[in-house]
């Protein structure tokens, strides 16, 4: 009788675990998807003229220089682009996007195309604060439509994508503002600049 009782207890426990497992997996995937998703609104100030900041931002292929998880962007320069990011498990997630609004030196907006692996959108508004200072209001959303078990687990033990991206964009605004520039010389400086003197082989040998 004791053996039979233990058997029924074991079966009952296994039944509870089996019924709870799908619920736990769904919860894990929901939590993982939420931590991978991005819903970001922030403002940065770049110490560059507005036309320079806009020119940099309009070329989406510059974005991977600022965002670590963004592997690549292929910008067709016709309003279409192809994006690739690294998931928490290291696999590549890709999708296509199309520009939805474009006003030079003012605004750029884009959205993922229908039937993509993710729902993603971006909006950047540019405002001059001075001759060499630009305000950029940024709105970004990103939601993967599928999160695997490994991606979900790794998402739970790392910072959310939104907080990571916020930090990266804040740092990028500083880096862009202090990027090295070509030094312009006045005509007077050029006129008084030392000239290189060409020497013949004989002069070099005697020197």
N, C-alpha and C. Protein backbone atom coordinates (compact mmCIF):
# COMPACT_ATOMS: atom_id res chain seq x y z
N UNK A 1 0.82 -1.22 0.00
CA UNK A 1 0.00 0.00 0.00
C UNK A 1 0.85 1.26 0.00
N UNK A 2 1.97 1.20 0.80
CA UNK A 2 2.84 2.38 0.83
C UNK A 2 3.46 2.65 -0.54
N UNK A 3 3.84 1.56 -1.21
CA UNK A 3 4.44 1.71 -2.54
C UNK A 3 3.44 2.35 -3.51
N UNK A 4 2.18 1.86 -3.42
CA UNK A 4 1.14 2.42 -4.29
C UNK A 4 0.89 3.89 -3.95
N UNK A 5 0.92 4.24 -2.67
CA UNK A 5 0.72 5.64 -2.28
C UNK A 5 1.82 6.54 -2.80
N UNK A 6 3.05 6.05 -2.71
CA UNK A 6 4.17 6.84 -3.24
C UNK A 6 4.05 7.02 -4.75
N UNK A 7 3.57 5.96 -5.39
CA UNK A 7 3.41 6.03 -6.85
C UNK A 7 2.40 7.10 -7.23
N UNK A 8 1.26 7.10 -6.53
CA UNK A 8 0.22 8.10 -6.84
C UNK A 8 0.71 9.52 -6.52
N UNK A 9 1.48 9.65 -5.45
CA UNK A 9 2.04 10.96 -5.10
C UNK A 9 2.99 11.46 -6.18
N UNK A 10 3.83 10.53 -6.66
CA UNK A 10 4.76 10.90 -7.73
C UNK A 10 4.06 11.29 -9.01
N UNK A 11 3.01 10.52 -9.35
CA UNK A 11 2.24 10.83 -10.55
C UNK A 11 1.54 12.18 -10.44
N UNK A 12 1.01 12.46 -9.25
CA UNK A 12 0.33 13.74 -9.04
C UNK A 12 1.31 14.90 -9.18
N UNK A 13 2.52 14.73 -8.60
CA UNK A 13 3.53 15.79 -8.70
C UNK A 13 3.95 16.00 -10.15
N UNK A 14 4.13 14.88 -10.88
CA UNK A 14 4.52 14.99 -12.29
C UNK A 14 3.45 15.69 -13.11
N UNK A 15 2.17 15.41 -12.77
CA UNK A 15 1.06 16.04 -13.48
C UNK A 15 1.03 17.55 -13.25
N UNK A 16 1.29 17.95 -12.00
CA UNK A 16 1.31 19.37 -11.67
C UNK A 16 2.44 20.07 -12.43
N UNK A 17 3.63 19.45 -12.42
CA UNK A 17 4.77 20.04 -13.12
C UNK A 17 4.50 20.14 -14.62
N UNK A 18 3.93 19.06 -15.18
CA UNK A 18 3.66 19.05 -16.62
C UNK A 18 2.65 20.12 -17.02
N UNK A 19 1.66 20.32 -16.17
CA UNK A 19 0.64 21.33 -16.49
C UNK A 19 1.17 22.75 -16.27
N UNK A 20 2.11 22.89 -15.31
CA UNK A 20 2.65 24.22 -15.02
C UNK A 20 3.73 24.64 -15.99
N UNK A 21 4.42 23.66 -16.59
CA UNK A 21 5.55 23.98 -17.46
C UNK A 21 5.19 24.88 -18.63
N UNK A 22 4.12 24.58 -19.39
CA UNK A 22 3.76 25.48 -20.49
C UNK A 22 3.46 26.90 -20.02
N UNK A 23 2.83 27.02 -18.85
CA UNK A 23 2.52 28.34 -18.31
C UNK A 23 3.81 29.09 -18.00
N UNK A 24 4.77 28.37 -17.38
CA UNK A 24 6.05 28.99 -17.04
C UNK A 24 6.82 29.42 -18.29
N UNK A 25 6.77 28.58 -19.31
CA UNK A 25 7.48 28.91 -20.56
C UNK A 25 6.85 30.14 -21.22
N UNK A 26 5.52 30.22 -21.22
CA UNK A 26 4.86 31.39 -21.80
C UNK A 26 5.22 32.66 -21.03
N UNK A 27 5.24 32.55 -19.69
CA UNK A 27 5.63 33.69 -18.86
C UNK A 27 7.06 34.12 -19.15
N UNK A 28 7.95 33.14 -19.28
CA UNK A 28 9.35 33.42 -19.54
C UNK A 28 9.52 34.14 -20.88
N UNK A 29 8.80 33.67 -21.89
CA UNK A 29 8.92 34.29 -23.21
C UNK A 29 8.34 35.71 -23.21
N UNK A 30 7.23 35.90 -22.48
CA UNK A 30 6.65 37.24 -22.39
C UNK A 30 7.62 38.21 -21.71
N UNK A 31 8.21 37.76 -20.61
CA UNK A 31 9.17 38.61 -19.89
C UNK A 31 10.40 38.89 -20.75
N UNK A 32 10.87 37.86 -21.44
CA UNK A 32 12.03 38.04 -22.32
C UNK A 32 11.75 39.00 -23.45
N UNK A 33 10.57 38.88 -24.06
CA UNK A 33 10.19 39.78 -25.15
C UNK A 33 10.09 41.21 -24.65
N UNK A 34 9.53 41.39 -23.45
CA UNK A 34 9.38 42.74 -22.90
C UNK A 34 10.74 43.38 -22.65
N UNK A 35 11.72 42.59 -22.19
CA UNK A 35 13.05 43.14 -21.92
C UNK A 35 13.83 43.39 -23.20
N UNK A 36 13.52 42.64 -24.25
CA UNK A 36 14.17 42.87 -25.54
C UNK A 36 13.56 44.06 -26.27
N UNK A 37 12.30 44.33 -26.01
CA UNK A 37 11.60 45.42 -26.71
C UNK A 37 12.18 46.78 -26.32
N UNK A 38 11.98 47.74 -27.22
CA UNK A 38 12.46 49.11 -27.00
C UNK A 38 11.29 50.07 -27.19
N UNK A 39 11.12 50.95 -26.22
CA UNK A 39 10.15 52.05 -26.34
C UNK A 39 10.85 53.26 -25.74
N UNK A 40 11.56 53.99 -26.57
CA UNK A 40 12.48 55.03 -26.10
C UNK A 40 12.10 56.40 -26.63
N UNK A 41 12.09 57.36 -25.73
CA UNK A 41 11.95 58.76 -26.11
C UNK A 41 12.98 59.56 -25.32
N UNK A 42 13.84 60.26 -26.03
CA UNK A 42 14.87 61.03 -25.35
C UNK A 42 15.33 62.19 -26.24
N UNK A 43 15.99 63.14 -25.63
CA UNK A 43 16.53 64.29 -26.34
C UNK A 43 18.02 64.37 -26.08
N UNK A 44 18.78 64.58 -27.14
CA UNK A 44 20.22 64.77 -27.00
C UNK A 44 20.60 66.09 -27.67
N UNK A 45 21.71 66.64 -27.23
CA UNK A 45 22.24 67.86 -27.83
C UNK A 45 23.63 67.56 -28.37
N UNK A 46 23.82 67.84 -29.65
CA UNK A 46 25.10 67.58 -30.31
C UNK A 46 25.75 68.92 -30.64
N UNK A 47 27.00 69.07 -30.29
CA UNK A 47 27.71 70.32 -30.54
C UNK A 47 28.26 70.34 -31.96
N UNK A 48 27.34 70.36 -32.90
CA UNK A 48 27.64 70.44 -34.33
C UNK A 48 26.52 71.22 -35.00
N UNK A 49 26.80 71.87 -36.14
CA UNK A 49 25.73 72.55 -36.89
C UNK A 49 24.67 71.55 -37.33
N UNK A 50 23.46 72.04 -37.49
CA UNK A 50 22.34 71.14 -37.78
C UNK A 50 22.52 70.39 -39.08
N UNK A 51 23.12 71.02 -40.09
CA UNK A 51 23.26 70.33 -41.38
C UNK A 51 24.25 69.15 -41.26
N UNK A 52 25.25 69.28 -40.40
CA UNK A 52 26.19 68.18 -40.22
C UNK A 52 25.54 67.02 -39.45
N UNK A 53 24.78 67.34 -38.43
CA UNK A 53 24.10 66.30 -37.65
C UNK A 53 23.08 65.58 -38.51
N UNK A 54 22.31 66.33 -39.28
CA UNK A 54 21.30 65.71 -40.14
C UNK A 54 21.95 64.84 -41.21
N UNK A 55 23.04 65.31 -41.78
CA UNK A 55 23.72 64.56 -42.83
C UNK A 55 24.22 63.22 -42.29
N UNK A 56 24.70 63.22 -41.05
CA UNK A 56 25.15 61.97 -40.43
C UNK A 56 23.96 61.04 -40.18
N UNK A 57 22.87 61.58 -39.65
CA UNK A 57 21.73 60.75 -39.26
C UNK A 57 20.94 60.23 -40.45
N UNK A 58 20.94 60.96 -41.55
CA UNK A 58 20.15 60.53 -42.70
C UNK A 58 20.71 59.27 -43.36
N UNK A 59 21.99 59.01 -43.13
CA UNK A 59 22.61 57.79 -43.65
C UNK A 59 22.55 56.72 -42.56
N UNK A 60 21.58 55.83 -42.66
CA UNK A 60 21.37 54.83 -41.62
C UNK A 60 22.58 53.91 -41.43
N UNK A 61 23.46 53.83 -42.42
CA UNK A 61 24.63 52.98 -42.29
C UNK A 61 25.59 53.48 -41.21
N UNK A 62 25.37 54.71 -40.74
CA UNK A 62 26.17 55.23 -39.62
C UNK A 62 25.70 54.71 -38.27
N UNK A 63 24.48 54.21 -38.19
CA UNK A 63 23.90 53.84 -36.90
C UNK A 63 24.67 52.73 -36.17
N UNK A 64 25.20 51.70 -36.88
CA UNK A 64 25.96 50.67 -36.15
C UNK A 64 27.21 51.22 -35.45
N UNK A 65 27.68 52.39 -35.86
CA UNK A 65 28.82 53.00 -35.17
C UNK A 65 28.43 53.46 -33.77
N UNK A 66 27.12 53.65 -33.56
CA UNK A 66 26.63 54.19 -32.29
C UNK A 66 26.01 53.13 -31.40
N UNK A 67 25.44 52.08 -32.02
CA UNK A 67 24.65 51.09 -31.28
C UNK A 67 25.30 49.72 -31.39
N UNK A 68 25.71 49.15 -30.27
CA UNK A 68 26.50 47.92 -30.28
C UNK A 68 25.73 46.73 -30.84
N UNK A 69 24.46 46.58 -30.48
CA UNK A 69 23.70 45.41 -30.91
C UNK A 69 23.30 45.47 -32.39
N UNK A 70 23.42 46.64 -32.98
CA UNK A 70 23.06 46.81 -34.39
C UNK A 70 24.25 46.37 -35.25
N UNK A 71 24.12 45.22 -35.89
CA UNK A 71 25.22 44.66 -36.66
C UNK A 71 25.49 45.43 -37.94
N UNK A 72 24.42 45.76 -38.66
CA UNK A 72 24.60 46.46 -39.94
C UNK A 72 23.28 47.06 -40.40
N UNK A 73 23.42 48.09 -41.22
CA UNK A 73 22.28 48.67 -41.93
C UNK A 73 22.73 48.94 -43.36
N UNK A 74 22.00 48.39 -44.31
CA UNK A 74 22.28 48.64 -45.72
C UNK A 74 21.26 49.67 -46.21
N UNK A 75 21.73 50.87 -46.44
CA UNK A 75 20.86 51.97 -46.84
C UNK A 75 20.91 52.13 -48.36
N UNK A 76 19.77 51.90 -49.00
CA UNK A 76 19.71 51.99 -50.47
C UNK A 76 19.67 53.42 -50.97
N UNK A 77 19.55 54.39 -50.06
CA UNK A 77 19.48 55.81 -50.40
C UNK A 77 18.27 56.16 -51.26
N UNK A 78 17.27 55.29 -51.24
CA UNK A 78 16.03 55.57 -51.96
C UNK A 78 14.82 55.44 -51.02
N UNK A 79 15.09 55.48 -49.72
CA UNK A 79 14.02 55.34 -48.75
C UNK A 79 13.90 53.94 -48.17
N UNK A 80 14.61 52.98 -48.75
CA UNK A 80 14.56 51.61 -48.26
C UNK A 80 15.88 51.24 -47.59
N UNK A 81 15.79 50.36 -46.60
CA UNK A 81 17.00 49.94 -45.90
C UNK A 81 16.81 48.54 -45.34
N UNK A 82 17.93 47.85 -45.10
CA UNK A 82 17.90 46.50 -44.54
C UNK A 82 18.71 46.52 -43.25
N UNK A 83 18.09 46.05 -42.15
CA UNK A 83 18.68 46.13 -40.82
C UNK A 83 18.98 44.74 -40.28
N UNK A 84 20.05 44.63 -39.48
CA UNK A 84 20.40 43.37 -38.84
C UNK A 84 20.89 43.66 -37.42
N UNK A 85 20.31 42.97 -36.44
CA UNK A 85 20.72 43.13 -35.04
C UNK A 85 21.13 41.78 -34.47
N UNK A 86 21.85 41.83 -33.36
CA UNK A 86 22.26 40.63 -32.65
C UNK A 86 21.30 40.37 -31.50
N UNK A 87 20.71 39.17 -31.46
CA UNK A 87 19.80 38.82 -30.37
C UNK A 87 20.62 38.45 -29.12
N UNK A 88 19.99 38.35 -27.95
CA UNK A 88 20.73 37.97 -26.73
C UNK A 88 21.48 36.65 -26.86
N UNK A 89 20.97 35.72 -27.67
CA UNK A 89 21.63 34.43 -27.84
C UNK A 89 22.72 34.47 -28.91
N UNK A 90 22.86 35.62 -29.58
CA UNK A 90 23.91 35.76 -30.59
C UNK A 90 23.45 35.54 -32.02
N UNK A 91 22.22 35.14 -32.21
CA UNK A 91 21.74 34.95 -33.58
C UNK A 91 21.39 36.30 -34.21
N UNK A 92 21.30 36.30 -35.53
CA UNK A 92 21.03 37.54 -36.26
C UNK A 92 19.55 37.66 -36.60
N UNK A 93 18.98 38.82 -36.31
CA UNK A 93 17.58 39.12 -36.65
C UNK A 93 17.60 40.22 -37.70
N UNK A 94 16.92 40.00 -38.82
CA UNK A 94 16.96 40.95 -39.93
C UNK A 94 15.56 41.39 -40.35
N UNK A 95 15.47 42.60 -40.87
CA UNK A 95 14.21 43.10 -41.41
C UNK A 95 14.47 44.27 -42.35
N UNK A 96 13.46 44.61 -43.13
CA UNK A 96 13.52 45.75 -44.04
C UNK A 96 12.70 46.90 -43.47
N UNK A 97 13.11 48.11 -43.80
CA UNK A 97 12.40 49.30 -43.34
C UNK A 97 12.26 50.29 -44.49
N UNK A 98 11.31 51.21 -44.34
CA UNK A 98 11.08 52.23 -45.35
C UNK A 98 10.90 53.58 -44.66
N UNK A 99 11.47 54.61 -45.26
CA UNK A 99 11.32 55.97 -44.72
C UNK A 99 9.88 56.42 -44.90
N UNK A 100 9.29 56.94 -43.83
CA UNK A 100 7.89 57.39 -43.88
C UNK A 100 7.78 58.92 -43.88
N UNK A 101 8.85 59.61 -43.46
CA UNK A 101 8.84 61.07 -43.48
C UNK A 101 10.27 61.57 -43.59
N UNK A 102 10.45 62.58 -44.44
CA UNK A 102 11.80 63.11 -44.67
C UNK A 102 11.71 64.59 -45.02
N UNK A 103 12.20 65.43 -44.12
CA UNK A 103 12.29 66.87 -44.35
C UNK A 103 13.73 67.28 -44.05
N UNK A 104 14.50 67.69 -45.05
CA UNK A 104 15.91 68.01 -44.82
C UNK A 104 16.12 68.96 -43.64
N UNK A 105 17.10 68.62 -42.80
CA UNK A 105 17.47 69.42 -41.63
C UNK A 105 16.33 69.62 -40.65
N UNK A 106 15.34 68.73 -40.70
CA UNK A 106 14.19 68.88 -39.81
C UNK A 106 13.72 67.56 -39.20
N UNK A 107 13.41 66.56 -40.03
CA UNK A 107 12.84 65.32 -39.50
C UNK A 107 13.13 64.13 -40.41
N UNK A 108 13.36 62.98 -39.79
CA UNK A 108 13.46 61.70 -40.49
C UNK A 108 12.63 60.69 -39.69
N UNK A 109 11.82 59.90 -40.40
CA UNK A 109 11.04 58.84 -39.74
C UNK A 109 11.07 57.59 -40.62
N UNK A 110 11.02 56.43 -39.98
CA UNK A 110 11.04 55.18 -40.72
C UNK A 110 10.27 54.11 -39.95
N UNK A 111 9.81 53.08 -40.70
CA UNK A 111 9.06 51.97 -40.11
C UNK A 111 9.49 50.67 -40.77
N UNK A 112 9.43 49.57 -40.01
CA UNK A 112 9.65 48.26 -40.61
C UNK A 112 8.51 47.97 -41.57
N UNK A 113 8.82 47.23 -42.63
CA UNK A 113 7.79 46.92 -43.63
C UNK A 113 6.90 45.80 -43.09
N UNK A 114 5.69 45.65 -43.65
CA UNK A 114 4.79 44.58 -43.19
C UNK A 114 5.43 43.19 -43.34
N UNK A 115 5.04 42.28 -42.46
CA UNK A 115 5.51 40.89 -42.46
C UNK A 115 6.99 40.76 -42.08
N UNK A 116 7.52 41.76 -41.38
CA UNK A 116 8.90 41.67 -40.91
C UNK A 116 8.97 40.81 -39.65
N UNK A 117 10.20 40.41 -39.28
CA UNK A 117 10.41 39.61 -38.07
C UNK A 117 10.25 40.46 -36.82
N UNK A 118 10.27 41.78 -36.98
CA UNK A 118 10.11 42.68 -35.84
C UNK A 118 9.18 43.82 -36.25
N UNK A 119 8.65 44.51 -35.26
CA UNK A 119 7.96 45.77 -35.48
C UNK A 119 8.89 46.87 -34.97
N UNK A 120 9.34 47.71 -35.86
CA UNK A 120 10.32 48.73 -35.48
C UNK A 120 9.97 50.05 -36.15
N UNK A 121 10.24 51.14 -35.44
CA UNK A 121 10.01 52.46 -36.01
C UNK A 121 10.98 53.45 -35.38
N UNK A 122 11.21 54.54 -36.08
CA UNK A 122 12.09 55.57 -35.56
C UNK A 122 11.65 56.95 -36.03
N UNK A 123 11.89 57.93 -35.19
CA UNK A 123 11.57 59.32 -35.53
C UNK A 123 12.64 60.20 -34.91
N UNK A 124 13.24 61.07 -35.72
CA UNK A 124 14.25 62.00 -35.24
C UNK A 124 13.89 63.40 -35.72
N UNK A 125 13.76 64.33 -34.77
CA UNK A 125 13.49 65.73 -35.10
C UNK A 125 14.69 66.58 -34.73
N UNK A 126 15.09 67.45 -35.65
CA UNK A 126 16.30 68.25 -35.49
C UNK A 126 15.93 69.72 -35.33
N UNK A 127 16.54 70.38 -34.33
CA UNK A 127 16.28 71.80 -34.10
C UNK A 127 17.61 72.49 -33.79
N UNK A 128 17.90 73.62 -34.47
CA UNK A 128 19.14 74.34 -34.17
C UNK A 128 19.03 75.10 -32.86
N UNK A 129 20.03 74.94 -32.01
CA UNK A 129 20.10 75.71 -30.77
C UNK A 129 21.09 76.86 -30.90
N UNK A 130 21.86 76.84 -31.96
CA UNK A 130 22.86 77.87 -32.23
C UNK A 130 23.60 77.50 -33.49
N UNK A 131 24.58 78.29 -33.90
CA UNK A 131 25.32 78.00 -35.13
C UNK A 131 26.03 76.65 -35.10
N UNK A 132 26.43 76.20 -33.90
CA UNK A 132 27.18 74.94 -33.80
C UNK A 132 26.60 74.05 -32.70
N UNK A 133 25.28 74.04 -32.57
CA UNK A 133 24.64 73.21 -31.56
C UNK A 133 23.26 72.79 -32.06
N UNK A 134 22.98 71.49 -31.96
CA UNK A 134 21.73 70.94 -32.50
C UNK A 134 21.04 70.06 -31.47
N UNK A 135 19.75 70.26 -31.31
CA UNK A 135 18.92 69.41 -30.47
C UNK A 135 18.29 68.34 -31.35
N UNK A 136 18.33 67.09 -30.86
CA UNK A 136 17.72 65.98 -31.59
C UNK A 136 16.75 65.27 -30.66
N UNK A 137 15.46 65.28 -31.01
CA UNK A 137 14.44 64.56 -30.26
C UNK A 137 14.24 63.20 -30.93
N UNK A 138 14.46 62.14 -30.15
CA UNK A 138 14.49 60.78 -30.69
C UNK A 138 13.34 59.95 -30.12
N UNK A 139 12.67 59.22 -30.99
CA UNK A 139 11.64 58.27 -30.58
C UNK A 139 11.89 56.96 -31.33
N UNK A 140 12.12 55.88 -30.58
CA UNK A 140 12.43 54.59 -31.20
C UNK A 140 11.58 53.49 -30.56
N UNK A 141 11.06 52.60 -31.38
CA UNK A 141 10.36 51.41 -30.89
C UNK A 141 10.90 50.19 -31.60
N UNK A 142 10.92 49.08 -30.88
CA UNK A 142 11.41 47.81 -31.44
C UNK A 142 10.76 46.68 -30.66
N UNK A 143 10.14 45.75 -31.37
CA UNK A 143 9.53 44.60 -30.71
C UNK A 143 9.70 43.35 -31.58
N UNK A 144 10.52 42.40 -31.10
CA UNK A 144 10.64 41.14 -31.85
C UNK A 144 9.34 40.35 -31.74
N UNK A 145 8.93 39.76 -32.84
CA UNK A 145 7.66 39.03 -32.84
C UNK A 145 7.80 37.62 -32.31
N UNK A 146 9.04 37.16 -32.14
CA UNK A 146 9.27 35.82 -31.59
C UNK A 146 10.50 35.86 -30.69
N UNK A 147 10.37 35.30 -29.50
CA UNK A 147 11.50 35.19 -28.57
C UNK A 147 11.66 33.74 -28.17
N UNK A 148 12.81 33.15 -28.53
CA UNK A 148 13.09 31.77 -28.17
C UNK A 148 13.45 31.63 -26.70
N UNK A 149 13.56 30.38 -26.25
CA UNK A 149 13.84 30.11 -24.84
C UNK A 149 15.19 30.70 -24.40
N UNK A 150 16.23 30.49 -25.21
CA UNK A 150 17.57 30.98 -24.85
C UNK A 150 17.59 32.50 -24.83
N UNK A 151 16.97 33.14 -25.83
CA UNK A 151 16.90 34.61 -25.85
C UNK A 151 16.17 35.12 -24.62
N UNK A 152 15.10 34.44 -24.22
CA UNK A 152 14.33 34.87 -23.05
C UNK A 152 15.16 34.79 -21.78
N UNK A 153 15.86 33.65 -21.61
CA UNK A 153 16.68 33.47 -20.41
C UNK A 153 17.76 34.54 -20.33
N UNK A 154 18.46 34.77 -21.42
CA UNK A 154 19.56 35.74 -21.40
C UNK A 154 19.06 37.17 -21.26
N UNK A 155 17.86 37.44 -21.73
CA UNK A 155 17.29 38.78 -21.58
C UNK A 155 17.01 39.10 -20.11
N UNK A 156 16.72 38.07 -19.33
CA UNK A 156 16.36 38.29 -17.93
C UNK A 156 17.57 38.59 -17.05
N UNK A 157 18.78 38.28 -17.54
CA UNK A 157 19.97 38.47 -16.71
C UNK A 157 20.85 39.61 -17.23
N UNK A 158 20.30 40.45 -18.08
CA UNK A 158 21.05 41.58 -18.60
C UNK A 158 20.16 42.82 -18.58
N UNK A 159 20.78 43.97 -18.82
CA UNK A 159 20.02 45.22 -18.83
C UNK A 159 18.99 45.19 -19.95
N UNK A 160 17.89 45.92 -19.77
CA UNK A 160 16.89 45.99 -20.83
C UNK A 160 17.48 46.72 -22.04
N UNK A 161 16.96 46.40 -23.21
CA UNK A 161 17.44 47.06 -24.43
C UNK A 161 17.22 48.56 -24.39
N UNK A 162 16.12 48.99 -23.77
CA UNK A 162 15.83 50.42 -23.71
C UNK A 162 16.89 51.16 -22.90
N UNK A 163 17.24 50.63 -21.74
CA UNK A 163 18.24 51.31 -20.90
C UNK A 163 19.61 51.29 -21.56
N UNK A 164 19.97 50.17 -22.21
CA UNK A 164 21.26 50.09 -22.90
C UNK A 164 21.32 51.10 -24.04
N UNK A 165 20.25 51.17 -24.83
CA UNK A 165 20.23 52.10 -25.95
C UNK A 165 20.28 53.55 -25.49
N UNK A 166 19.60 53.86 -24.42
CA UNK A 166 19.61 55.23 -23.89
C UNK A 166 21.05 55.64 -23.53
N UNK A 167 21.78 54.74 -22.89
CA UNK A 167 23.16 55.02 -22.52
C UNK A 167 24.04 55.21 -23.76
N UNK A 168 23.85 54.35 -24.76
CA UNK A 168 24.67 54.42 -25.97
C UNK A 168 24.42 55.72 -26.74
N UNK A 169 23.15 56.13 -26.84
CA UNK A 169 22.84 57.35 -27.58
C UNK A 169 23.33 58.60 -26.85
N UNK A 170 23.27 58.58 -25.52
CA UNK A 170 23.80 59.70 -24.76
C UNK A 170 25.30 59.85 -24.98
N UNK A 171 26.01 58.71 -24.98
CA UNK A 171 27.45 58.75 -25.21
C UNK A 171 27.76 59.17 -26.65
N UNK A 172 26.95 58.69 -27.59
CA UNK A 172 27.17 59.02 -29.01
C UNK A 172 27.03 60.52 -29.25
N UNK A 173 26.08 61.16 -28.57
CA UNK A 173 25.90 62.61 -28.75
C UNK A 173 27.13 63.36 -28.30
N UNK A 174 27.80 62.87 -27.26
CA UNK A 174 29.04 63.50 -26.80
C UNK A 174 30.17 63.24 -27.78
N UNK A 175 30.27 61.99 -28.24
CA UNK A 175 31.35 61.64 -29.17
C UNK A 175 31.22 62.41 -30.48
N UNK A 176 30.00 62.53 -31.00
CA UNK A 176 29.80 63.24 -32.26
C UNK A 176 30.13 64.72 -32.10
N UNK A 177 29.80 65.27 -30.94
CA UNK A 177 30.05 66.69 -30.71
C UNK A 177 31.51 67.02 -30.58
N UNK A 178 32.32 66.01 -30.21
CA UNK A 178 33.75 66.26 -30.03
C UNK A 178 34.59 65.50 -31.04
N UNK A 179 33.97 65.14 -32.16
CA UNK A 179 34.72 64.46 -33.20
C UNK A 179 35.76 65.40 -33.78
N UNK A 180 36.95 64.88 -34.15
CA UNK A 180 38.00 65.76 -34.69
C UNK A 180 37.58 66.39 -36.00
N UNK A 181 37.96 67.61 -36.18
CA UNK A 181 37.63 68.35 -37.40
C UNK A 181 38.90 68.71 -38.14
N UNK A 182 38.77 68.93 -39.45
CA UNK A 182 39.89 69.45 -40.22
C UNK A 182 40.19 70.87 -39.77
N UNK A 183 41.46 71.20 -39.61
CA UNK A 183 41.85 72.53 -39.16
C UNK A 183 41.96 73.45 -40.36
N UNK A 184 41.20 74.54 -40.32
CA UNK A 184 41.24 75.51 -41.42
C UNK A 184 42.29 76.57 -41.12
N UNK A 185 43.10 76.89 -42.12
CA UNK A 185 44.15 77.89 -41.96
C UNK A 185 43.79 79.15 -42.73
N UNK A 186 44.13 80.29 -42.17
CA UNK A 186 43.90 81.55 -42.87
C UNK A 186 44.94 81.70 -43.97
N UNK A 187 44.67 82.52 -44.98
CA UNK A 187 45.66 82.76 -46.04
C UNK A 187 46.99 83.24 -45.47
N UNK A 188 46.95 84.04 -44.38
CA UNK A 188 48.20 84.55 -43.81
C UNK A 188 49.01 83.42 -43.20
N UNK A 189 48.31 82.45 -42.54
CA UNK A 189 49.01 81.31 -41.96
C UNK A 189 49.63 80.44 -43.03
N UNK A 190 48.92 80.29 -44.15
CA UNK A 190 49.44 79.48 -45.25
C UNK A 190 50.67 80.13 -45.85
N UNK A 191 50.62 81.48 -45.99
CA UNK A 191 51.73 82.21 -46.61
C UNK A 191 53.00 82.09 -45.78
N UNK A 192 52.86 82.01 -44.45
CA UNK A 192 54.02 81.97 -43.57
C UNK A 192 54.36 80.56 -43.10
N UNK A 193 53.70 79.57 -43.66
CA UNK A 193 53.99 78.19 -43.28
C UNK A 193 55.33 77.78 -43.86
N UNK A 194 56.14 77.02 -43.12
CA UNK A 194 57.44 76.59 -43.64
C UNK A 194 57.26 75.66 -44.83
N UNK A 195 58.13 75.82 -45.83
CA UNK A 195 58.06 75.02 -47.03
C UNK A 195 59.07 73.89 -46.95
N UNK A 196 58.71 72.76 -47.54
CA UNK A 196 59.64 71.66 -47.62
C UNK A 196 60.63 71.94 -48.76
N UNK A 197 61.92 71.70 -48.50
CA UNK A 197 62.95 71.96 -49.50
C UNK A 197 63.38 70.64 -50.12
N UNK A 198 63.32 70.58 -51.42
CA UNK A 198 63.72 69.36 -52.11
C UNK A 198 65.23 69.36 -52.28
N UNK A 199 65.86 68.24 -51.98
CA UNK A 199 67.30 68.10 -52.09
C UNK A 199 67.64 67.09 -53.18
N UNK A 200 68.73 67.35 -53.87
CA UNK A 200 69.22 66.38 -54.85
C UNK A 200 69.91 65.26 -54.14
N UNK A 201 70.11 64.11 -54.76
CA UNK A 201 70.84 62.99 -54.12
C UNK A 201 72.24 63.42 -53.66
N UNK A 202 72.92 64.31 -54.49
CA UNK A 202 74.28 64.73 -54.12
C UNK A 202 74.25 65.55 -52.85
N UNK A 203 73.23 66.42 -52.68
CA UNK A 203 73.13 67.25 -51.49
C UNK A 203 72.87 66.40 -50.26
N UNK A 204 72.03 65.35 -50.44
CA UNK A 204 71.74 64.46 -49.33
C UNK A 204 73.00 63.75 -48.89
N UNK A 205 73.80 63.26 -49.88
CA UNK A 205 75.03 62.52 -49.57
C UNK A 205 76.05 63.40 -48.86
N UNK A 206 76.12 64.73 -49.27
CA UNK A 206 77.07 65.63 -48.65
C UNK A 206 76.61 66.13 -47.28
N UNK A 207 75.27 66.04 -47.05
CA UNK A 207 74.75 66.51 -45.80
C UNK A 207 75.11 65.59 -44.66
